[in-house]
Amino acid sequence: MREIDIPCSECGTELAERVVFTADLPVETGWRGSVRVAECPSCGARYYPRQTVAQLAGRSSGTRPRGEG
């Protein structure tokens, strides 16, 4: 089971996987590019899978920090 397969904890609706730009996240991450999130189409709640959190924390090689590369 993938993390996105879990229903929204706010309203119980099935989550949709989306790719968002890190510049559109509610916090400055220091990373550029895009990441996968799980978003509720009903209430708008957003969830961050472990892989995304690891990527934003710098533990994944999927993106590079801003200013590098």
C-alpha atoms as a PDB file:
ATOM      1  CA  MET A   1       0.000   0.000   0.000  1.00  0.00           C
ATOM      2  CA  ARG A   2       1.311   3.419  -0.916  1.00  0.00           C
ATOM      3  CA  GLU A   3       0.872   6.403   1.402  1.00  0.00           C
ATOM      4  CA  ILE A   4      -1.374   8.027  -1.177  1.00  0.00           C
ATOM      5  CA  ASP A   5      -3.807   5.108  -0.877  1.00  0.00           C
ATOM      6  CA  ILE A   6      -4.801   6.234   2.624  1.00  0.00           C
ATOM      7  CA  PRO A   7      -7.945   8.423   2.691  1.00  0.00           C
ATOM      8  CA  CYS A   8      -7.867  12.066   3.774  1.00  0.00           C
ATOM      9  CA  SER A   9      -7.742  12.336   7.555  1.00  0.00           C
ATOM     10  CA  GLU A  10      -9.850  15.521   7.409  1.00  0.00           C
ATOM     11  CA  CYS A  11     -12.841  14.297   5.393  1.00  0.00           C
ATOM     12  CA  GLY A  12     -12.225  10.672   4.337  1.00  0.00           C
ATOM     13  CA  THR A  13     -12.053  11.377   0.583  1.00  0.00           C
ATOM     14  CA  GLU A  14      -9.651   9.437  -1.626  1.00  0.00           C
ATOM     15  CA  LEU A  15      -6.427  11.396  -2.151  1.00  0.00           C
ATOM     16  CA  ALA A  16      -5.039  12.378  -5.535  1.00  0.00           C
ATOM     17  CA  GLU A  17      -1.341  12.338  -6.325  1.00  0.00           C
ATOM     18  CA  ARG A  18      -0.015  15.658  -7.635  1.00  0.00           C
ATOM     19  CA  VAL A  19       3.344  17.053  -8.586  1.00  0.00           C
ATOM     20  CA  VAL A  20       3.957  20.566  -7.264  1.00  0.00           C
ATOM     21  CA  PHE A  21       6.838  22.987  -7.596  1.00  0.00           C
ATOM     22  CA  THR A  22       8.814  23.446  -4.406  1.00  0.00           C
ATOM     23  CA  ALA A  23       8.417  27.217  -4.846  1.00  0.00           C
ATOM     24  CA  ASP A  24       4.657  26.695  -4.270  1.00  0.00           C
ATOM     25  CA  LEU A  25       5.093  24.918  -0.925  1.00  0.00           C
ATOM     26  CA  PRO A  26       4.052  26.780   2.244  1.00  0.00           C
ATOM     27  CA  VAL A  27       7.640  26.817   3.577  1.00  0.00           C
ATOM     28  CA  GLU A  28      11.020  27.644   2.074  1.00  0.00           C
ATOM     29  CA  THR A  29      12.781  24.369   1.405  1.00  0.00           C
ATOM     30  CA  GLY A  30      16.061  25.423  -0.158  1.00  0.00           C
ATOM     31  CA  TRP A  31      15.370  22.974  -2.980  1.00  0.00           C
ATOM     32  CA  ARG A  32      14.274  23.587  -6.535  1.00  0.00           C
ATOM     33  CA  GLY A  33      12.211  21.495  -8.842  1.00  0.00           C
ATOM     34  CA  SER A  34       9.064  19.567  -8.114  1.00  0.00           C
ATOM     35  CA  VAL A  35       7.906  16.987  -5.588  1.00  0.00           C
ATOM     36  CA  ARG A  36       5.005  14.565  -5.277  1.00  0.00           C
ATOM     37  CA  VAL A  37       2.275  15.249  -2.767  1.00  0.00           C
ATOM     38  CA  ALA A  38      -1.073  13.682  -1.935  1.00  0.00           C
ATOM     39  CA  GLU A  39      -3.902  16.198  -2.089  1.00  0.00           C
ATOM     40  CA  CYS A  40      -7.563  15.902  -1.176  1.00  0.00           C
ATOM     41  CA  PRO A  41      -9.779  17.067  -4.043  1.00  0.00           C
ATOM     42  CA  SER A  42     -12.644  17.726  -1.618  1.00  0.00           C
ATOM     43  CA  CYS A  43     -11.156  19.768   1.218  1.00  0.00           C
ATOM     44  CA  GLY A  44      -7.722  20.699  -0.177  1.00  0.00           C
ATOM     45  CA  ALA A  45      -5.696  19.070   2.606  1.00  0.00           C
ATOM     46  CA  ARG A  46      -2.183  18.211   1.465  1.00  0.00           C
ATOM     47  CA  TYR A  47      -0.040  15.330   2.643  1.00  0.00           C
ATOM     48  CA  TYR A  48       3.658  14.753   2.068  1.00  0.00           C
ATOM     49  CA  PRO A  49       4.759  11.148   1.466  1.00  0.00           C
ATOM     50  CA  ARG A  50       7.963   9.982   3.172  1.00  0.00           C
ATOM     51  CA  GLN A  51       9.882  10.076  -0.087  1.00  0.00           C
ATOM     52  CA  THR A  52       8.942  13.744  -0.548  1.00  0.00           C
ATOM     53  CA  VAL A  53       9.927  14.626   3.018  1.00  0.00           C
ATOM     54  CA  ALA A  54      13.270  12.855   2.533  1.00  0.00           C
ATOM     55  CA  GLN A  55      13.788  14.662  -0.757  1.00  0.00           C
ATOM     56  CA  LEU A  56      13.105  18.055   0.827  1.00  0.00           C
ATOM     57  CA  ALA A  57      15.344  17.210   3.782  1.00  0.00           C
ATOM     58  CA  GLY A  58      18.219  16.487   1.412  1.00  0.00           C
ATOM     59  CA  ARG A  59      18.311  12.724   1.866  1.00  0.00           C
ATOM     60  CA  SER A  60      17.411  11.969  -1.752  1.00  0.00           C
ATOM     61  CA  SER A  61      19.337  12.633  -4.926  1.00  0.00           C
ATOM     62  CA  GLY A  62      16.230  13.493  -6.952  1.00  0.00           C
ATOM     63  CA  THR A  63      16.838  17.250  -6.825  1.00  0.00           C
ATOM     64  CA  ARG A  64      19.640  19.626  -6.031  1.00  0.00           C
ATOM     65  CA  PRO A  65      19.742  22.485  -3.539  1.00  0.00           C
ATOM     66  CA  ARG A  66      19.114  25.905  -5.019  1.00  0.00           C
ATOM     67  CA  GLY A  67      22.277  27.516  -6.257  1.00  0.00           C
ATOM     68  CA  GLU A  68      23.999  24.218  -7.029  1.00  0.00           C
ATOM     69  CA  GLY A  69      24.219  22.836 -10.517  1.00  0.00           C
END
